[in-house]
């Protein structure tokens, strides 16, 4: 994993842990539903941001190598990304 991306991804997971603990406390204390939903949406956005970092790392490392190999490796790389984003199943 690229060092900078790894550092940023770990930082985001630490933030997510705190957000999830906060969400659980909100549910436990029966906070206002719209506030809980707002926190849940913030977590979803943070997860999407983490996904973007991980995808960037994958493209810059594994996919780049697979494209250099060509042939079946290239096809496998494309299929992996499409599968993750459920694009190939439509």
Protein backbone atom coordinates (compact mmCIF):
# COMPACT_ATOMS: atom_id res chain seq x y z
CA UNK A 1 0.00 0.00 0.00
CA UNK A 2 1.26 3.49 -0.80
CA UNK A 3 2.48 5.03 2.48
CA UNK A 4 0.57 8.32 2.20
CA UNK A 5 -2.68 6.58 1.31
CA UNK A 6 -2.21 4.06 4.13
CA UNK A 7 -1.68 6.88 6.64
CA UNK A 8 -4.77 8.75 5.42
CA UNK A 9 -6.90 5.58 5.36
CA UNK A 10 -5.94 4.68 8.92
CA UNK A 11 -6.74 8.22 10.05
CA UNK A 12 -10.17 7.98 8.45
CA UNK A 13 -10.87 4.63 10.08
CA UNK A 14 -10.06 6.16 13.48
CA UNK A 15 -12.52 8.98 12.76
CA UNK A 16 -15.12 6.44 11.66
CA UNK A 17 -14.68 4.48 14.89
CA UNK A 18 -15.48 7.61 16.87
CA UNK A 19 -18.45 8.43 14.68
CA UNK A 20 -19.86 4.92 15.10
CA UNK A 21 -19.48 5.07 18.86
CA UNK A 22 -21.26 8.42 18.82
CA UNK A 23 -24.06 6.98 16.69
CA UNK A 24 -24.53 4.09 19.12
CA UNK A 25 -24.73 6.56 22.04
CA UNK A 26 -27.32 8.60 20.15
CA UNK A 27 -29.45 5.52 19.56
CA UNK A 28 -29.03 4.34 23.16
CA UNK A 29 -30.10 7.71 24.52
CA UNK A 30 -32.94 7.91 21.99
CA UNK A 31 -31.85 11.20 20.47
CA UNK A 32 -34.03 12.90 17.88
CA UNK A 33 -34.35 10.58 14.86
CA UNK A 34 -33.29 13.22 12.35
CA UNK A 35 -30.11 13.85 14.34
CA UNK A 36 -29.34 10.13 14.32
CA UNK A 37 -29.95 9.98 10.57
CA UNK A 38 -27.66 12.98 10.10
CA UNK A 39 -24.89 11.17 11.97
CA UNK A 40 -25.52 8.00 9.96
CA UNK A 41 -25.27 9.95 6.71
CA UNK A 42 -21.99 11.52 7.86
CA UNK A 43 -20.63 8.02 8.49
CA UNK A 44 -21.74 6.90 5.04
CA UNK A 45 -19.94 9.86 3.48
CA UNK A 46 -16.82 9.07 5.50
CA UNK A 47 -16.96 5.45 4.31
CA UNK A 48 -17.31 6.62 0.71
CA UNK A 49 -14.25 8.80 1.22
CA UNK A 50 -12.34 5.81 2.58
CA UNK A 51 -13.46 3.73 -0.41
CA UNK A 52 -12.11 6.41 -2.73
CA UNK A 53 -8.70 6.27 -1.05
CA UNK A 54 -8.60 2.48 -1.22
CA UNK A 55 -9.64 2.50 -4.86
CA UNK A 56 -6.94 5.05 -5.64
CA UNK A 57 -4.35 2.80 -4.03
CA UNK A 58 -5.63 -0.23 -5.92
CA UNK A 59 -5.56 1.59 -9.25
CA UNK A 60 -2.07 3.00 -8.69
CA UNK A 61 -0.59 -0.33 -7.60
CA UNK A 62 -2.38 -3.56 -8.48
CA UNK A 63 -4.32 -2.37 -11.52
CA UNK A 64 -1.28 -0.61 -12.98
CA UNK A 65 0.69 -3.87 -12.64
CA UNK A 66 -2.14 -5.89 -14.16
CA UNK A 67 -2.37 -3.55 -17.14
CA UNK A 68 1.38 -3.89 -17.68
CA UNK A 69 0.94 -7.67 -17.80
CA UNK A 70 -1.79 -7.28 -20.41
CA UNK A 71 -4.18 -9.95 -21.66
CA UNK A 72 -6.16 -11.79 -19.02
CA UNK A 73 -4.66 -9.73 -16.21
CA UNK A 74 -6.04 -6.56 -17.78
CA UNK A 75 -9.46 -8.13 -18.17
CA UNK A 76 -9.38 -9.32 -14.56
CA UNK A 77 -8.49 -5.82 -13.34
CA UNK A 78 -11.39 -4.26 -15.23
CA UNK A 79 -13.79 -6.97 -13.99
CA UNK A 80 -12.71 -6.42 -10.37
CA UNK A 81 -13.43 -2.71 -10.43
CA UNK A 82 -16.74 -3.20 -12.21
CA UNK A 83 -17.76 -5.88 -9.71
CA UNK A 84 -16.96 -3.72 -6.70
CA UNK A 85 -19.17 -0.97 -8.05
CA UNK A 86 -21.79 -3.42 -9.33
CA UNK A 87 -21.51 -1.91 -12.80
CA UNK A 88 -20.99 -5.17 -14.65
CA UNK A 89 -24.17 -6.78 -13.36
CA UNK A 90 -26.65 -4.48 -15.08
